[in-house]
């Protein structure tokens, strides 16, 4: 079964079941390791941007954070 087939089948499940599957996947050690690796890559990318002087003003950072928070509500 492909990932796309699994996603299609999972989409047919009730929300509570999809939530249980998500929690099960999040608890998987290999998935957590991949999440850590991705976080490290993102942090390194940010450090490299900062080293090149590609920085944002604080007001813009907070505006983006507020906008992101409202986008998810």
PDB file of N, CA and C in Angstrom:
ATOM      1  N   UNK A   1       0.851  -1.168   0.000  1.00  0.00           N
ATOM      2  CA  UNK A   1       0.000   0.000   0.000  1.00  0.00           C
ATOM      3  C   UNK A   1       0.902   1.238   0.000  1.00  0.00           C
ATOM      4  N   UNK A   2       0.565   2.226  -0.827  1.00  0.00           N
ATOM      5  CA  UNK A   2       1.363   3.450  -0.900  1.00  0.00           C
ATOM      6  C   UNK A   2       0.927   4.434   0.189  1.00  0.00           C
ATOM      7  N   UNK A   3       1.760   5.428   0.406  1.00  0.00           N
ATOM      8  CA  UNK A   3       1.435   6.467   1.384  1.00  0.00           C
ATOM      9  C   UNK A   3       0.144   7.177   0.967  1.00  0.00           C
ATOM     10  N   UNK A   4       0.009   7.450  -0.314  1.00  0.00           N
ATOM     11  CA  UNK A   4      -1.204   8.134  -0.798  1.00  0.00           C
ATOM     12  C   UNK A   4      -2.452   7.280  -0.555  1.00  0.00           C
ATOM     13  N   UNK A   5      -2.344   5.977  -0.730  1.00  0.00           N
ATOM     14  CA  UNK A   5      -3.482   5.087  -0.468  1.00  0.00           C
ATOM     15  C   UNK A   5      -3.817   5.078   1.020  1.00  0.00           C
ATOM     16  N   UNK A   6      -2.787   5.063   1.855  1.00  0.00           N
ATOM     17  CA  UNK A   6      -3.019   5.087   3.303  1.00  0.00           C
ATOM     18  C   UNK A   6      -3.704   6.395   3.701  1.00  0.00           C
ATOM     19  N   UNK A   7      -3.215   7.518   3.147  1.00  0.00           N
ATOM     20  CA  UNK A   7      -3.834   8.816   3.443  1.00  0.00           C
ATOM     21  C   UNK A   7      -5.301   8.831   3.016  1.00  0.00           C
ATOM     22  N   UNK A   8      -5.586   8.289   1.840  1.00  0.00           N
ATOM     23  CA  UNK A   8      -6.959   8.265   1.335  1.00  0.00           C
ATOM     24  C   UNK A   8      -7.861   7.435   2.249  1.00  0.00           C
ATOM     25  N   UNK A   9      -7.360   6.300   2.704  1.00  0.00           N
ATOM     26  CA  UNK A   9      -8.147   5.459   3.608  1.00  0.00           C
ATOM     27  C   UNK A   9      -8.321   6.133   4.973  1.00  0.00           C
ATOM     28  N   UNK A  10      -7.257   6.749   5.468  1.00  0.00           N
ATOM     29  CA  UNK A  10      -7.337   7.429   6.770  1.00  0.00           C
ATOM     30  C   UNK A  10      -8.322   8.583   6.717  1.00  0.00           C
ATOM     31  N   UNK A  11      -8.412   9.243   5.578  1.00  0.00           N
ATOM     32  CA  UNK A  11      -9.337  10.371   5.436  1.00  0.00           C
ATOM     33  C   UNK A  11     -10.793   9.935   5.592  1.00  0.00           C
ATOM     34  N   UNK A  12     -11.062   8.666   5.378  1.00  0.00           N
ATOM     35  CA  UNK A  12     -12.423   8.130   5.511  1.00  0.00           C
ATOM     36  C   UNK A  12     -12.795   7.848   6.964  1.00  0.00           C
ATOM     37  N   UNK A  13     -11.808   7.844   7.845  1.00  0.00           N
ATOM     38  CA  UNK A  13     -12.051   7.526   9.256  1.00  0.00           C
ATOM     39  C   UNK A  13     -12.665   8.710   9.990  1.00  0.00           C
ATOM     40  N   UNK A  14     -13.375   8.432  11.083  1.00  0.00           N
ATOM     41  CA  UNK A  14     -13.880   9.522  11.910  1.00  0.00           C
ATOM     42  C   UNK A  14     -12.713  10.304  12.527  1.00  0.00           C
ATOM     43  N   UNK A  15     -12.927  11.580  12.837  1.00  0.00           N
ATOM     44  CA  UNK A  15     -11.851  12.412  13.393  1.00  0.00           C
ATOM     45  C   UNK A  15     -11.150  11.802  14.603  1.00  0.00           C
ATOM     46  N   UNK A  16     -11.886  11.187  15.506  1.00  0.00           N
ATOM     47  CA  UNK A  16     -11.264  10.593  16.697  1.00  0.00           C
ATOM     48  C   UNK A  16     -10.274   9.498  16.328  1.00  0.00           C
ATOM     49  N   UNK A  17     -10.613   8.703  15.324  1.00  0.00           N
ATOM     50  CA  UNK A  17      -9.712   7.639  14.883  1.00  0.00           C
ATOM     51  C   UNK A  17      -8.467   8.221  14.206  1.00  0.00           C
ATOM     52  N   UNK A  18      -8.651   9.261  13.377  1.00  0.00           N
ATOM     53  CA  UNK A  18      -7.498   9.906  12.736  1.00  0.00           C
ATOM     54  C   UNK A  18      -6.581  10.521  13.789  1.00  0.00           C
ATOM     55  N   UNK A  19      -7.181  11.102  14.836  1.00  0.00           N
ATOM     56  CA  UNK A  19      -6.401  11.683  15.924  1.00  0.00           C
ATOM     57  C   UNK A  19      -5.590  10.592  16.625  1.00  0.00           C
ATOM     58  N   UNK A  20      -6.203   9.445  16.875  1.00  0.00           N
ATOM     59  CA  UNK A  20      -5.507   8.337  17.532  1.00  0.00           C
ATOM     60  C   UNK A  20      -4.335   7.858  16.672  1.00  0.00           C
ATOM     61  N   UNK A  21      -4.531   7.797  15.369  1.00  0.00           N
ATOM     62  CA  UNK A  21      -3.448   7.394  14.470  1.00  0.00           C
ATOM     63  C   UNK A  21      -2.322   8.421  14.510  1.00  0.00           C
ATOM     64  N   UNK A  22      -2.671   9.698  14.492  1.00  0.00           N
ATOM     65  CA  UNK A  22      -1.656  10.759  14.542  1.00  0.00           C
ATOM     66  C   UNK A  22      -0.843  10.671  15.826  1.00  0.00           C
ATOM     67  N   UNK A  23      -1.504  10.443  16.940  1.00  0.00           N
ATOM     68  CA  UNK A  23      -0.795  10.320  18.218  1.00  0.00           C
ATOM     69  C   UNK A  23       0.115   9.095  18.206  1.00  0.00           C
ATOM     70  N   UNK A  24      -0.345   8.010  17.623  1.00  0.00           N
ATOM     71  CA  UNK A  24       0.457   6.796  17.530  1.00  0.00           C
ATOM     72  C   UNK A  24       1.717   7.055  16.689  1.00  0.00           C
ATOM     73  N   UNK A  25       1.554   7.737  15.562  1.00  0.00           N
ATOM     74  CA  UNK A  25       2.700   8.037  14.697  1.00  0.00           C
ATOM     75  C   UNK A  25       3.665   8.980  15.409  1.00  0.00           C
ATOM     76  N   UNK A  26       3.141  10.018  16.063  1.00  0.00           N
ATOM     77  CA  UNK A  26       3.985  10.974  16.782  1.00  0.00           C
ATOM     78  C   UNK A  26       4.811  10.292  17.875  1.00  0.00           C
ATOM     79  N   UNK A  27       4.279   9.244  18.453  1.00  0.00           N
ATOM     80  CA  UNK A  27       4.968   8.537  19.521  1.00  0.00           C
ATOM     81  C   UNK A  27       6.051   7.588  19.037  1.00  0.00           C
ATOM     82  N   UNK A  28       6.123   7.387  17.743  1.00  0.00           N
ATOM     83  CA  UNK A  28       7.097   6.475  17.170  1.00  0.00           C
ATOM     84  C   UNK A  28       8.499   7.085  17.262  1.00  0.00           C
ATOM     85  N   UNK A  29       9.437   6.329  17.790  1.00  0.00           N
ATOM     86  CA  UNK A  29      10.800   6.835  17.979  1.00  0.00           C
ATOM     87  C   UNK A  29      11.436   7.249  16.656  1.00  0.00           C
ATOM     88  N   UNK A  30      11.240   6.475  15.590  1.00  0.00           N
ATOM     89  CA  UNK A  30      11.858   6.847  14.318  1.00  0.00           C
ATOM     90  C   UNK A  30      11.263   8.133  13.759  1.00  0.00           C
ATOM     91  N   UNK A  31       9.972   8.351  13.971  1.00  0.00           N
ATOM     92  CA  UNK A  31       9.350   9.603  13.529  1.00  0.00           C
ATOM     93  C   UNK A  31       9.883  10.770  14.360  1.00  0.00           C
ATOM     94  N   UNK A  32      10.033  10.573  15.650  1.00  0.00           N
ATOM     95  CA  UNK A  32      10.586  11.640  16.498  1.00  0.00           C
ATOM     96  C   UNK A  32      12.018  11.959  16.090  1.00  0.00           C
ATOM     97  N   UNK A  33      12.788  10.955  15.714  1.00  0.00           N
ATOM     98  CA  UNK A  33      14.160  11.191  15.262  1.00  0.00           C
ATOM     99  C   UNK A  33      14.164  12.026  13.980  1.00  0.00           C
ATOM    100  N   UNK A  34      13.263  11.721  13.068  1.00  0.00           N
ATOM    101  CA  UNK A  34      13.161  12.506  11.835  1.00  0.00           C
ATOM    102  C   UNK A  34      12.737  13.942  12.130  1.00  0.00           C
ATOM    103  N   UNK A  35      11.826  14.121  13.088  1.00  0.00           N
ATOM    104  CA  UNK A  35      11.402  15.470  13.473  1.00  0.00           C
ATOM    105  C   UNK A  35      12.577  16.256  14.052  1.00  0.00           C
ATOM    106  N   UNK A  36      13.385  15.607  14.896  1.00  0.00           N
ATOM    107  CA  UNK A  36      14.566  16.268  15.460  1.00  0.00           C
ATOM    108  C   UNK A  36      15.546  16.669  14.361  1.00  0.00           C
ATOM    109  N   UNK A  37      15.781  15.772  13.412  1.00  0.00           N
ATOM    110  CA  UNK A  37      16.690  16.066  12.302  1.00  0.00           C
ATOM    111  C   UNK A  37      16.190  17.259  11.493  1.00  0.00           C
ATOM    112  N   UNK A  38      14.892  17.315  11.234  1.00  0.00           N
ATOM    113  CA  UNK A  38      14.312  18.433  10.490  1.00  0.00           C
ATOM    114  C   UNK A  38      14.452  19.729  11.268  1.00  0.00           C
ATOM    115  N   UNK A  39      14.227  19.694  12.568  1.00  0.00           N
ATOM    116  CA  UNK A  39      14.382  20.880  13.401  1.00  0.00           C
ATOM    117  C   UNK A  39      15.835  21.369  13.361  1.00  0.00           C
ATOM    118  N   UNK A  40      16.774  20.465  13.451  1.00  0.00           N
ATOM    119  CA  UNK A  40      18.191  20.837  13.393  1.00  0.00           C
ATOM    120  C   UNK A  40      18.511  21.485  12.045  1.00  0.00           C
ATOM    121  N   UNK A  41      17.983  20.929  10.952  1.00  0.00           N
ATOM    122  CA  UNK A  41      18.198  21.525   9.623  1.00  0.00           C
ATOM    123  C   UNK A  41      17.625  22.940   9.562  1.00  0.00           C
ATOM    124  N   UNK A  42      16.413  23.136  10.111  1.00  0.00           N
ATOM    125  CA  UNK A  42      15.786  24.456  10.088  1.00  0.00           C
ATOM    126  C   UNK A  42      16.578  25.462  10.926  1.00  0.00           C
ATOM    127  N   UNK A  43      17.046  25.035  12.074  1.00  0.00           N
ATOM    128  CA  UNK A  43      17.853  25.920  12.924  1.00  0.00           C
ATOM    129  C   UNK A  43      19.147  26.281  12.210  1.00  0.00           C
ATOM    130  N   UNK A  44      19.803  25.300  11.613  1.00  0.00           N
ATOM    131  CA  UNK A  44      21.046  25.564  10.885  1.00  0.00           C
ATOM    132  C   UNK A  44      20.800  26.542   9.747  1.00  0.00           C
ATOM    133  N   UNK A  45      19.707  26.377   9.045  1.00  0.00           N
ATOM    134  CA  UNK A  45      19.359  27.288   7.950  1.00  0.00           C
ATOM    135  C   UNK A  45      19.202  28.713   8.491  1.00  0.00           C
ATOM    136  N   UNK A  46      18.525  28.860   9.628  1.00  0.00           N
ATOM    137  CA  UNK A  46      18.357  30.169  10.246  1.00  0.00           C
ATOM    138  C   UNK A  46      19.675  30.783  10.676  1.00  0.00           C
ATOM    139  N   UNK A  47      20.562  29.969  11.212  1.00  0.00           N
ATOM    140  CA  UNK A  47      21.889  30.461  11.613  1.00  0.00           C
ATOM    141  C   UNK A  47      22.650  30.955  10.386  1.00  0.00           C
ATOM    142  N   UNK A  48      22.581  30.194   9.305  1.00  0.00           N
ATOM    143  CA  UNK A  48      23.269  30.595   8.075  1.00  0.00           C
ATOM    144  C   UNK A  48      22.705  31.903   7.536  1.00  0.00           C
ATOM    145  N   UNK A  49      21.374  32.066   7.594  1.00  0.00           N
ATOM    146  CA  UNK A  49      20.763  33.325   7.161  1.00  0.00           C
ATOM    147  C   UNK A  49      21.248  34.482   8.035  1.00  0.00           C
ATOM    148  N   UNK A  50      21.279  34.274   9.325  1.00  0.00           N
ATOM    149  CA  UNK A  50      21.730  35.319  10.242  1.00  0.00           C
ATOM    150  C   UNK A  50      23.187  35.668   9.975  1.00  0.00           C
ATOM    151  N   UNK A  51      24.014  34.663   9.723  1.00  0.00           N
ATOM    152  CA  UNK A  51      25.427  34.908   9.422  1.00  0.00           C
ATOM    153  C   UNK A  51      25.600  35.759   8.163  1.00  0.00           C
ATOM    154  N   UNK A  52      24.666  35.616   7.217  1.00  0.00           N
ATOM    155  CA  UNK A  52      24.717  36.410   5.985  1.00  0.00           C
ATOM    156  C   UNK A  52      24.069  37.788   6.169  1.00  0.00           C
ATOM    157  N   UNK A  53      23.530  38.036   7.368  1.00  0.00           N
ATOM    158  CA  UNK A  53      22.883  39.323   7.627  1.00  0.00           C
ATOM    159  C   UNK A  53      21.439  39.376   7.189  1.00  0.00           C
ATOM    160  N   UNK A  54      20.848  38.240   6.870  1.00  0.00           N
ATOM    161  CA  UNK A  54      19.456  38.176   6.432  1.00  0.00           C
ATOM    162  C   UNK A  54      18.556  38.091   7.660  1.00  0.00           C
ATOM    163  N   UNK A  55      18.370  39.225   8.306  1.00  0.00           N
ATOM    164  CA  UNK A  55      17.608  39.279   9.548  1.00  0.00           C
ATOM    165  C   UNK A  55      16.339  40.088   9.349  1.00  0.00           C
ATOM    166  N   UNK A  56      15.372  39.879  10.222  1.00  0.00           N
ATOM    167  CA  UNK A  56      14.122  40.639  10.205  1.00  0.00           C
ATOM    168  C   UNK A  56      14.077  41.551  11.419  1.00  0.00           C
ATOM    169  N   UNK A  57      13.399  42.672  11.241  1.00  0.00           N
ATOM    170  CA  UNK A  57      13.157  43.562  12.382  1.00  0.00           C
ATOM    171  C   UNK A  57      12.188  42.863  13.333  1.00  0.00           C
ATOM    172  N   UNK A  58      12.310  43.146  14.609  1.00  0.00           N
ATOM    173  CA  UNK A  58      11.471  42.504  15.627  1.00  0.00           C
ATOM    174  C   UNK A  58       9.987  42.712  15.345  1.00  0.00           C
ATOM    175  N   UNK A  59       9.605  43.923  14.916  1.00  0.00           N
ATOM    176  CA  UNK A  59       8.188  44.193  14.633  1.00  0.00           C
ATOM    177  C   UNK A  59       7.640  43.252  13.565  1.00  0.00           C
ATOM    178  N   UNK A  60       8.446  42.979  12.537  1.00  0.00           N
ATOM    179  CA  UNK A  60       7.995  42.075  11.485  1.00  0.00           C
ATOM    180  C   UNK A  60       7.881  40.646  11.991  1.00  0.00           C
ATOM    181  N   UNK A  61       8.814  40.224  12.827  1.00  0.00           N
ATOM    182  CA  UNK A  61       8.764  38.875  13.396  1.00  0.00           C
ATOM    183  C   UNK A  61       7.477  38.697  14.181  1.00  0.00           C
ATOM    184  N   UNK A  62       7.173  39.659  15.062  1.00  0.00           N
ATOM    185  CA  UNK A  62       5.966  39.543  15.883  1.00  0.00           C
ATOM    186  C   UNK A  62       4.705  39.639  15.039  1.00  0.00           C
ATOM    187  N   UNK A  63       4.713  40.444  13.989  1.00  0.00           N
ATOM    188  CA  UNK A  63       3.550  40.531  13.093  1.00  0.00           C
ATOM    189  C   UNK A  63       3.312  39.189  12.410  1.00  0.00           C
ATOM    190  N   UNK A  64       4.399  38.546  11.987  1.00  0.00           N
ATOM    191  CA  UNK A  64       4.263  37.228  11.344  1.00  0.00           C
ATOM    192  C   UNK A  64       3.757  36.185  12.336  1.00  0.00           C
ATOM    193  N   UNK A  65       4.239  36.246  13.560  1.00  0.00           N
ATOM    194  CA  UNK A  65       3.779  35.302  14.574  1.00  0.00           C
ATOM    195  C   UNK A  65       2.290  35.489  14.840  1.00  0.00           C
ATOM    196  N   UNK A  66       1.874  36.764  14.980  1.00  0.00           N
ATOM    197  CA  UNK A  66       0.451  37.032  15.213  1.00  0.00           C
ATOM    198  C   UNK A  66      -0.390  36.570  14.040  1.00  0.00           C
ATOM    199  N   UNK A  67       0.068  36.829  12.822  1.00  0.00           N
ATOM    200  CA  UNK A  67      -0.674  36.422  11.622  1.00  0.00           C
ATOM    201  C   UNK A  67      -0.795  34.906  11.545  1.00  0.00           C
ATOM    202  N   UNK A  68       0.273  34.199  11.897  1.00  0.00           N
ATOM    203  CA  UNK A  68       0.241  32.734  11.886  1.00  0.00           C
ATOM    204  C   UNK A  68      -0.710  32.182  12.918  1.00  0.00           C
ATOM    205  N   UNK A  69      -0.737  32.819  14.074  1.00  0.00           N
ATOM    206  CA  UNK A  69      -1.623  32.367  15.137  1.00  0.00           C
ATOM    207  C   UNK A  69      -3.078  32.546  14.723  1.00  0.00           C
ATOM    208  N   UNK A  70      -3.380  33.654  14.038  1.00  0.00           N
ATOM    209  CA  UNK A  70      -4.755  33.902  13.605  1.00  0.00           C
ATOM    210  C   UNK A  70      -5.141  33.012  12.429  1.00  0.00           C
ATOM    211  N   UNK A  71      -4.174  32.618  11.641  1.00  0.00           N
ATOM    212  CA  UNK A  71      -4.453  31.747  10.498  1.00  0.00           C
ATOM    213  C   UNK A  71      -4.892  30.369  10.949  1.00  0.00           C
ATOM    214  N   UNK A  72      -4.459  29.968  12.169  1.00  0.00           N
ATOM    215  CA  UNK A  72      -4.794  28.630  12.672  1.00  0.00           C
ATOM    216  C   UNK A  72      -6.020  28.635  13.568  1.00  0.00           C
ATOM    217  N   UNK A  73      -6.602  29.811  13.840  1.00  0.00           N
ATOM    218  CA  UNK A  73      -7.770  29.838  14.737  1.00  0.00           C
ATOM    219  C   UNK A  73      -9.059  29.696  13.974  1.00  0.00           C
TER     220      UNK A  73
END
